[in-house]
Amino acid sequence: MGAQFSVAMVGVLQPGRQVAMSGDQSSSQAWWYCLRHQAVEQGPGCPGKERLGPYPTQEQAVQALEQAARRNQQWEEDPRWNDPQQQ
């Protein structure tokens, strides 16, 4: 049986690459990275489909794109996510 994941929503950073996002978007204490404005936001702001997060701190939200890039690289290198017939 394959791996099971629970994800609240998914945001696309670039074609073919997705980043999982979860949590309560209405939390006034949570930090987000807005893809539209390329900026960190706290609390309610742009729609969730345009944001990464939530993050517990502003510093973590600032690093959102770097974290997403690291995860994308890990997924790309993970044989469980690669179809050998497509390579």
N, C-alpha and C. Protein backbone atom coordinates (compact mmCIF):
# COMPACT_ATOMS: atom_id res chain seq x y z
N MET A 1 0.84 -1.17 0.00
CA MET A 1 0.00 0.00 0.00
C MET A 1 0.89 1.23 0.00
N GLY A 2 0.50 2.28 -0.72
CA GLY A 2 1.28 3.51 -0.81
C GLY A 2 1.16 4.36 0.44
N ALA A 3 1.96 5.39 0.46
CA ALA A 3 1.96 6.32 1.59
C ALA A 3 0.67 7.12 1.61
N GLN A 4 0.22 7.45 2.80
CA GLN A 4 -0.99 8.25 2.95
C GLN A 4 -0.60 9.61 3.51
N PHE A 5 -1.22 10.66 2.99
CA PHE A 5 -0.93 12.00 3.42
C PHE A 5 -2.23 12.74 3.70
N SER A 6 -2.20 13.62 4.66
CA SER A 6 -3.33 14.48 4.97
C SER A 6 -2.92 15.91 4.71
N VAL A 7 -3.57 16.55 3.74
CA VAL A 7 -3.21 17.91 3.37
C VAL A 7 -4.47 18.75 3.30
N ALA A 8 -4.42 19.93 3.88
CA ALA A 8 -5.58 20.82 3.88
C ALA A 8 -5.77 21.45 2.50
N MET A 9 -4.69 21.87 1.87
CA MET A 9 -4.75 22.45 0.53
C MET A 9 -3.36 22.40 -0.07
N VAL A 10 -3.28 22.64 -1.35
CA VAL A 10 -2.00 22.59 -2.05
C VAL A 10 -1.83 23.86 -2.86
N GLY A 11 -0.66 24.46 -2.79
CA GLY A 11 -0.35 25.65 -3.58
C GLY A 11 0.74 25.33 -4.57
N VAL A 12 0.66 25.87 -5.76
CA VAL A 12 1.64 25.58 -6.80
C VAL A 12 2.68 26.69 -6.84
N LEU A 13 3.95 26.32 -6.73
CA LEU A 13 5.04 27.29 -6.83
C LEU A 13 5.51 27.46 -8.26
N GLN A 14 5.56 26.36 -8.98
CA GLN A 14 5.98 26.39 -10.36
C GLN A 14 5.29 25.22 -11.04
N PRO A 15 5.18 25.24 -12.35
CA PRO A 15 4.48 24.15 -13.04
C PRO A 15 5.03 22.79 -12.64
N GLY A 16 4.14 21.92 -12.23
CA GLY A 16 4.53 20.56 -11.88
C GLY A 16 5.07 20.39 -10.48
N ARG A 17 5.21 21.44 -9.72
CA ARG A 17 5.73 21.36 -8.36
C ARG A 17 4.69 21.92 -7.41
N GLN A 18 4.40 21.18 -6.36
CA GLN A 18 3.40 21.62 -5.39
C GLN A 18 3.96 21.61 -3.99
N VAL A 19 3.41 22.47 -3.16
CA VAL A 19 3.82 22.57 -1.77
C VAL A 19 2.59 22.42 -0.90
N ALA A 20 2.66 21.54 0.07
CA ALA A 20 1.53 21.34 0.96
C ALA A 20 1.42 22.49 1.94
N MET A 21 0.19 22.89 2.19
CA MET A 21 -0.09 23.92 3.17
C MET A 21 -1.23 23.41 4.05
N SER A 22 -1.19 23.74 5.31
CA SER A 22 -2.27 23.33 6.18
C SER A 22 -2.44 24.35 7.28
N GLY A 23 -3.52 24.21 8.01
CA GLY A 23 -3.74 25.06 9.17
C GLY A 23 -4.92 25.98 9.01
N ASP A 24 -5.16 26.75 10.03
CA ASP A 24 -6.28 27.67 10.10
C ASP A 24 -5.86 29.01 9.52
N GLN A 25 -6.39 29.36 8.37
CA GLN A 25 -6.00 30.60 7.71
C GLN A 25 -6.54 31.83 8.43
N SER A 26 -7.50 31.67 9.31
CA SER A 26 -8.08 32.83 9.98
C SER A 26 -7.30 33.22 11.23
N SER A 27 -6.31 32.44 11.61
CA SER A 27 -5.54 32.73 12.82
C SER A 27 -4.82 34.07 12.68
N SER A 28 -5.06 34.97 13.61
CA SER A 28 -4.44 36.29 13.54
C SER A 28 -2.98 36.25 13.96
N GLN A 29 -2.53 35.15 14.56
CA GLN A 29 -1.14 35.03 15.00
C GLN A 29 -0.25 34.33 14.00
N ALA A 30 -0.83 33.65 13.03
CA ALA A 30 -0.04 32.87 12.07
C ALA A 30 0.61 33.78 11.03
N TRP A 31 1.76 33.34 10.55
CA TRP A 31 2.50 34.05 9.51
C TRP A 31 2.38 33.28 8.20
N TRP A 32 2.35 34.00 7.09
CA TRP A 32 2.18 33.43 5.76
C TRP A 32 3.17 34.08 4.80
N TYR A 33 3.49 33.38 3.71
CA TYR A 33 4.26 33.97 2.64
C TYR A 33 3.31 34.14 1.45
N CYS A 34 3.09 35.37 1.01
CA CYS A 34 2.19 35.66 -0.10
C CYS A 34 2.96 35.55 -1.42
N LEU A 35 2.51 34.63 -2.26
CA LEU A 35 3.15 34.44 -3.56
C LEU A 35 2.87 35.59 -4.51
N ARG A 36 1.72 36.20 -4.39
CA ARG A 36 1.35 37.32 -5.27
C ARG A 36 2.23 38.54 -4.99
N HIS A 37 2.39 38.86 -3.71
CA HIS A 37 3.14 40.07 -3.33
C HIS A 37 4.60 39.79 -2.99
N GLN A 38 4.98 38.49 -2.97
CA GLN A 38 6.35 38.12 -2.61
C GLN A 38 6.73 38.75 -1.27
N ALA A 39 5.81 38.61 -0.29
CA ALA A 39 6.02 39.24 1.01
C ALA A 39 5.39 38.38 2.11
N VAL A 40 5.87 38.58 3.33
CA VAL A 40 5.34 37.90 4.50
C VAL A 40 4.13 38.68 5.02
N GLU A 41 3.08 37.94 5.40
CA GLU A 41 1.86 38.54 5.95
C GLU A 41 1.54 37.85 7.27
N GLN A 42 0.91 38.58 8.16
CA GLN A 42 0.44 37.97 9.41
C GLN A 42 -1.07 38.08 9.45
N GLY A 43 -1.71 36.98 9.87
CA GLY A 43 -3.16 36.97 10.00
C GLY A 43 -3.86 36.95 8.66
N PRO A 44 -5.14 37.31 8.67
CA PRO A 44 -5.91 37.33 7.42
C PRO A 44 -5.26 38.25 6.40
N GLY A 45 -5.30 37.82 5.17
CA GLY A 45 -4.68 38.61 4.10
C GLY A 45 -5.15 38.09 2.77
N CYS A 46 -4.24 37.86 1.88
CA CYS A 46 -4.57 37.34 0.55
C CYS A 46 -5.20 35.95 0.68
N PRO A 47 -5.92 35.51 -0.35
CA PRO A 47 -6.53 34.18 -0.31
C PRO A 47 -5.49 33.08 -0.11
N GLY A 48 -5.90 32.01 0.56
CA GLY A 48 -5.00 30.90 0.85
C GLY A 48 -4.35 30.31 -0.37
N LYS A 49 -5.02 30.35 -1.52
CA LYS A 49 -4.44 29.77 -2.74
C LYS A 49 -3.23 30.56 -3.22
N GLU A 50 -3.02 31.74 -2.65
CA GLU A 50 -1.89 32.58 -3.05
C GLU A 50 -0.84 32.68 -1.96
N ARG A 51 -0.97 31.84 -0.91
CA ARG A 51 -0.05 31.94 0.22
C ARG A 51 0.50 30.58 0.62
N LEU A 52 1.69 30.58 1.18
CA LEU A 52 2.30 29.40 1.79
C LEU A 52 2.22 29.59 3.29
N GLY A 53 1.93 28.53 4.00
CA GLY A 53 1.88 28.61 5.45
C GLY A 53 0.69 27.86 5.99
N PRO A 54 0.37 28.04 7.22
CA PRO A 54 0.89 29.04 8.14
C PRO A 54 2.21 28.62 8.77
N TYR A 55 2.94 29.62 9.24
CA TYR A 55 4.19 29.43 9.96
C TYR A 55 4.04 30.06 11.34
N PRO A 56 4.66 29.46 12.34
CA PRO A 56 4.52 29.98 13.70
C PRO A 56 5.29 31.28 13.93
N THR A 57 6.31 31.55 13.10
CA THR A 57 7.10 32.77 13.29
C THR A 57 7.29 33.48 11.96
N GLN A 58 7.58 34.76 12.05
CA GLN A 58 7.87 35.56 10.86
C GLN A 58 9.12 35.05 10.17
N GLU A 59 10.12 34.65 10.95
CA GLU A 59 11.38 34.17 10.38
C GLU A 59 11.16 32.92 9.53
N GLN A 60 10.29 32.02 9.97
CA GLN A 60 10.01 30.82 9.18
C GLN A 60 9.25 31.17 7.91
N ALA A 61 8.35 32.14 7.97
CA ALA A 61 7.61 32.56 6.78
C ALA A 61 8.55 33.19 5.76
N VAL A 62 9.54 33.93 6.22
CA VAL A 62 10.52 34.55 5.32
C VAL A 62 11.27 33.47 4.53
N GLN A 63 11.48 32.32 5.13
CA GLN A 63 12.22 31.22 4.50
C GLN A 63 11.32 30.28 3.68
N ALA A 64 10.05 30.64 3.46
CA ALA A 64 9.08 29.75 2.82
C ALA A 64 9.54 29.26 1.44
N LEU A 65 10.02 30.15 0.60
CA LEU A 65 10.42 29.72 -0.75
C LEU A 65 11.64 28.83 -0.72
N GLU A 66 12.58 29.12 0.16
CA GLU A 66 13.77 28.27 0.28
C GLU A 66 13.38 26.88 0.78
N GLN A 67 12.47 26.83 1.75
CA GLN A 67 12.01 25.54 2.27
C GLN A 67 11.28 24.76 1.18
N ALA A 68 10.45 25.44 0.41
CA ALA A 68 9.74 24.79 -0.68
C ALA A 68 10.71 24.25 -1.72
N ALA A 69 11.74 25.00 -2.04
CA ALA A 69 12.75 24.55 -3.01
C ALA A 69 13.48 23.32 -2.49
N ARG A 70 13.82 23.31 -1.20
CA ARG A 70 14.48 22.14 -0.62
C ARG A 70 13.58 20.91 -0.69
N ARG A 71 12.31 21.09 -0.37
CA ARG A 71 11.37 19.97 -0.42
C ARG A 71 11.17 19.49 -1.85
N ASN A 72 11.08 20.41 -2.80
CA ASN A 72 10.95 20.01 -4.20
C ASN A 72 12.14 19.17 -4.63
N GLN A 73 13.34 19.58 -4.23
CA GLN A 73 14.55 18.83 -4.58
C GLN A 73 14.53 17.44 -3.95
N GLN A 74 14.11 17.36 -2.69
CA GLN A 74 14.02 16.07 -2.01
C GLN A 74 13.03 15.16 -2.72
N TRP A 75 11.88 15.70 -3.11
CA TRP A 75 10.87 14.90 -3.81
C TRP A 75 11.40 14.44 -5.16
N GLU A 76 12.11 15.33 -5.85
CA GLU A 76 12.65 14.98 -7.16
C GLU A 76 13.66 13.84 -7.07
N GLU A 77 14.40 13.80 -5.97
CA GLU A 77 15.42 12.77 -5.79
C GLU A 77 14.89 11.51 -5.11
N ASP A 78 13.67 11.53 -4.64
CA ASP A 78 13.08 10.40 -3.91
C ASP A 78 12.54 9.37 -4.91
N PRO A 79 13.07 8.17 -4.93
CA PRO A 79 12.61 7.17 -5.90
C PRO A 79 11.14 6.80 -5.73
N ARG A 80 10.58 7.03 -4.55
CA ARG A 80 9.15 6.71 -4.34
C ARG A 80 8.25 7.64 -5.15
N TRP A 81 8.75 8.79 -5.58
CA TRP A 81 7.95 9.76 -6.31
C TRP A 81 8.28 9.80 -7.79
N ASN A 82 9.22 9.00 -8.22
CA ASN A 82 9.66 9.02 -9.61
C ASN A 82 9.24 7.75 -10.31
N ASP A 83 8.69 7.90 -11.48
CA ASP A 83 8.30 6.78 -12.31
C ASP A 83 9.47 6.44 -13.22
N PRO A 84 10.10 5.27 -13.05
CA PRO A 84 11.27 4.92 -13.85
C PRO A 84 10.99 4.90 -15.35
N GLN A 85 9.74 4.68 -15.75
CA GLN A 85 9.41 4.64 -17.17
C GLN A 85 9.44 6.03 -17.80
N GLN A 86 9.36 7.08 -17.00
CA GLN A 86 9.37 8.45 -17.53
C GLN A 86 10.77 9.02 -17.59
N GLN A 87 11.76 8.32 -17.11
CA GLN A 87 13.12 8.85 -17.09
C GLN A 87 13.90 8.41 -18.29
